[in-house]
Amino acid sequence: DVVRWLTKNGLGISRYAKLHSNEIVLWILLDQE
């Protein structure tokens, strides 16, 4: 799931989150359903 992916890829997540924060929020919301 998304949380596992974020944890697994934690080294690059800071830069990625800055570029794709909106997509990440959507993924998290969708992942909870």
PDB file of N, CA and C in Angstrom:
ATOM      1  N   ASP A   1       0.834  -1.201   0.000  1.00  0.00           N
ATOM      2  CA  ASP A   1       0.000   0.000   0.000  1.00  0.00           C
ATOM      3  C   ASP A   1       0.868   1.250   0.000  1.00  0.00           C
ATOM      4  N   VAL A   2       0.251   2.402   0.063  1.00  0.00           N
ATOM      5  CA  VAL A   2       0.988   3.660  -0.060  1.00  0.00           C
ATOM      6  C   VAL A   2       1.959   3.859   1.091  1.00  0.00           C
ATOM      7  N   VAL A   3       1.513   3.608   2.301  1.00  0.00           N
ATOM      8  CA  VAL A   3       2.383   3.814   3.468  1.00  0.00           C
ATOM      9  C   VAL A   3       3.632   2.966   3.356  1.00  0.00           C
ATOM     10  N   ARG A   4       3.464   1.730   2.943  1.00  0.00           N
ATOM     11  CA  ARG A   4       4.599   0.817   2.793  1.00  0.00           C
ATOM     12  C   ARG A   4       5.552   1.333   1.724  1.00  0.00           C
ATOM     13  N   TRP A   5       4.982   1.831   0.605  1.00  0.00           N
ATOM     14  CA  TRP A   5       5.817   2.372  -0.469  1.00  0.00           C
ATOM     15  C   TRP A   5       6.603   3.576   0.021  1.00  0.00           C
ATOM     16  N   LEU A   6       5.935   4.481   0.759  1.00  0.00           N
ATOM     17  CA  LEU A   6       6.608   5.675   1.264  1.00  0.00           C
ATOM     18  C   LEU A   6       7.745   5.289   2.201  1.00  0.00           C
ATOM     19  N   THR A   7       7.490   4.308   3.080  1.00  0.00           N
ATOM     20  CA  THR A   7       8.513   3.876   4.024  1.00  0.00           C
ATOM     21  C   THR A   7       9.684   3.238   3.280  1.00  0.00           C
ATOM     22  N   LYS A   8       9.368   2.405   2.306  1.00  0.00           N
ATOM     23  CA  LYS A   8      10.378   1.682   1.545  1.00  0.00           C
ATOM     24  C   LYS A   8      11.258   2.636   0.749  1.00  0.00           C
ATOM     25  N   ASN A   9      10.668   3.741   0.309  1.00  0.00           N
ATOM     26  CA  ASN A   9      11.381   4.703  -0.523  1.00  0.00           C
ATOM     27  C   ASN A   9      11.663   6.003   0.219  1.00  0.00           C
ATOM     28  N   GLY A  10      11.820   5.904   1.536  1.00  0.00           N
ATOM     29  CA  GLY A  10      11.949   7.078   2.395  1.00  0.00           C
ATOM     30  C   GLY A  10      13.125   7.983   2.059  1.00  0.00           C
ATOM     31  N   LEU A  11      14.212   7.435   1.486  1.00  0.00           N
ATOM     32  CA  LEU A  11      15.390   8.250   1.214  1.00  0.00           C
ATOM     33  C   LEU A  11      15.102   9.353   0.212  1.00  0.00           C
ATOM     34  N   GLY A  12      14.274   9.075  -0.784  1.00  0.00           N
ATOM     35  CA  GLY A  12      14.003  10.063  -1.820  1.00  0.00           C
ATOM     36  C   GLY A  12      12.689  10.801  -1.625  1.00  0.00           C
ATOM     37  N   ILE A  13      11.989  10.492  -0.531  1.00  0.00           N
ATOM     38  CA  ILE A  13      10.622  10.990  -0.404  1.00  0.00           C
ATOM     39  C   ILE A  13      10.541  12.487  -0.185  1.00  0.00           C
ATOM     40  N   SER A  14      11.528  13.081   0.459  1.00  0.00           N
ATOM     41  CA  SER A  14      11.456  14.522   0.724  1.00  0.00           C
ATOM     42  C   SER A  14      11.392  15.311  -0.577  1.00  0.00           C
ATOM     43  N   ARG A  15      12.316  15.005  -1.487  1.00  0.00           N
ATOM     44  CA  ARG A  15      12.335  15.701  -2.773  1.00  0.00           C
ATOM     45  C   ARG A  15      11.093  15.343  -3.579  1.00  0.00           C
ATOM     46  N   TYR A  16      10.733  14.083  -3.581  1.00  0.00           N
ATOM     47  CA  TYR A  16       9.570  13.634  -4.338  1.00  0.00           C
ATOM     48  C   TYR A  16       8.301  14.293  -3.826  1.00  0.00           C
ATOM     49  N   ALA A  17       8.166  14.378  -2.508  1.00  0.00           N
ATOM     50  CA  ALA A  17       6.959  14.960  -1.915  1.00  0.00           C
ATOM     51  C   ALA A  17       6.801  16.420  -2.314  1.00  0.00           C
ATOM     52  N   LYS A  18       7.917  17.135  -2.408  1.00  0.00           N
ATOM     53  CA  LYS A  18       7.852  18.540  -2.811  1.00  0.00           C
ATOM     54  C   LYS A  18       7.334  18.675  -4.242  1.00  0.00           C
ATOM     55  N   LEU A  19       7.677  17.702  -5.084  1.00  0.00           N
ATOM     56  CA  LEU A  19       7.260  17.760  -6.473  1.00  0.00           C
ATOM     57  C   LEU A  19       5.855  17.212  -6.686  1.00  0.00           C
ATOM     58  N   HIS A  20       5.432  16.283  -5.814  1.00  0.00           N
ATOM     59  CA  HIS A  20       4.208  15.525  -6.056  1.00  0.00           C
ATOM     60  C   HIS A  20       3.293  15.469  -4.837  1.00  0.00           C
ATOM     61  N   SER A  21       3.343  16.490  -3.990  1.00  0.00           N
ATOM     62  CA  SER A  21       2.579  16.451  -2.741  1.00  0.00           C
ATOM     63  C   SER A  21       1.089  16.234  -2.981  1.00  0.00           C
ATOM     64  N   ASN A  22       0.528  16.874  -4.000  1.00  0.00           N
ATOM     65  CA  ASN A  22      -0.902  16.702  -4.267  1.00  0.00           C
ATOM     66  C   ASN A  22      -1.245  15.263  -4.633  1.00  0.00           C
ATOM     67  N   GLU A  23      -0.413  14.639  -5.471  1.00  0.00           N
ATOM     68  CA  GLU A  23      -0.654  13.251  -5.845  1.00  0.00           C
ATOM     69  C   GLU A  23      -0.547  12.338  -4.639  1.00  0.00           C
ATOM     70  N   ILE A  24       0.432  12.590  -3.775  1.00  0.00           N
ATOM     71  CA  ILE A  24       0.598  11.762  -2.582  1.00  0.00           C
ATOM     72  C   ILE A  24      -0.626  11.861  -1.687  1.00  0.00           C
ATOM     73  N   VAL A  25      -1.143  13.070  -1.512  1.00  0.00           N
ATOM     74  CA  VAL A  25      -2.352  13.240  -0.699  1.00  0.00           C
ATOM     75  C   VAL A  25      -3.508  12.439  -1.295  1.00  0.00           C
ATOM     76  N   LEU A  26      -3.666  12.508  -2.604  1.00  0.00           N
ATOM     77  CA  LEU A  26      -4.732  11.750  -3.253  1.00  0.00           C
ATOM     78  C   LEU A  26      -4.531  10.252  -3.065  1.00  0.00           C
ATOM     79  N   TRP A  27      -3.305   9.778  -3.211  1.00  0.00           N
ATOM     80  CA  TRP A  27      -3.029   8.350  -3.032  1.00  0.00           C
ATOM     81  C   TRP A  27      -3.385   7.901  -1.626  1.00  0.00           C
ATOM     82  N   ILE A  28      -3.003   8.721  -0.627  1.00  0.00           N
ATOM     83  CA  ILE A  28      -3.291   8.368   0.766  1.00  0.00           C
ATOM     84  C   ILE A  28      -4.800   8.306   0.994  1.00  0.00           C
ATOM     85  N   LEU A  29      -5.513   9.297   0.470  1.00  0.00           N
ATOM     86  CA  LEU A  29      -6.969   9.299   0.641  1.00  0.00           C
ATOM     87  C   LEU A  29      -7.606   8.081  -0.024  1.00  0.00           C
ATOM     88  N   LEU A  30      -7.157   7.764  -1.238  1.00  0.00           N
ATOM     89  CA  LEU A  30      -7.707   6.617  -1.945  1.00  0.00           C
ATOM     90  C   LEU A  30      -7.337   5.310  -1.254  1.00  0.00           C
ATOM     91  N   ASP A  31      -6.142   5.249  -0.685  1.00  0.00           N
ATOM     92  CA  ASP A  31      -5.645   4.038  -0.047  1.00  0.00           C
ATOM     93  C   ASP A  31      -6.444   3.675   1.198  1.00  0.00           C
ATOM     94  N   GLN A  32      -7.107   4.657   1.801  1.00  0.00           N
ATOM     95  CA  GLN A  32      -7.834   4.406   3.037  1.00  0.00           C
ATOM     96  C   GLN A  32      -9.226   3.827   2.801  1.00  0.00           C
ATOM     97  N   GLU A  33      -9.692   3.821   1.551  1.00  0.00           N
ATOM     98  CA  GLU A  33     -11.027   3.282   1.295  1.00  0.00           C
ATOM     99  C   GLU A  33     -11.008   1.762   1.183  1.00  0.00           C
TER     100      GLU A  33
END
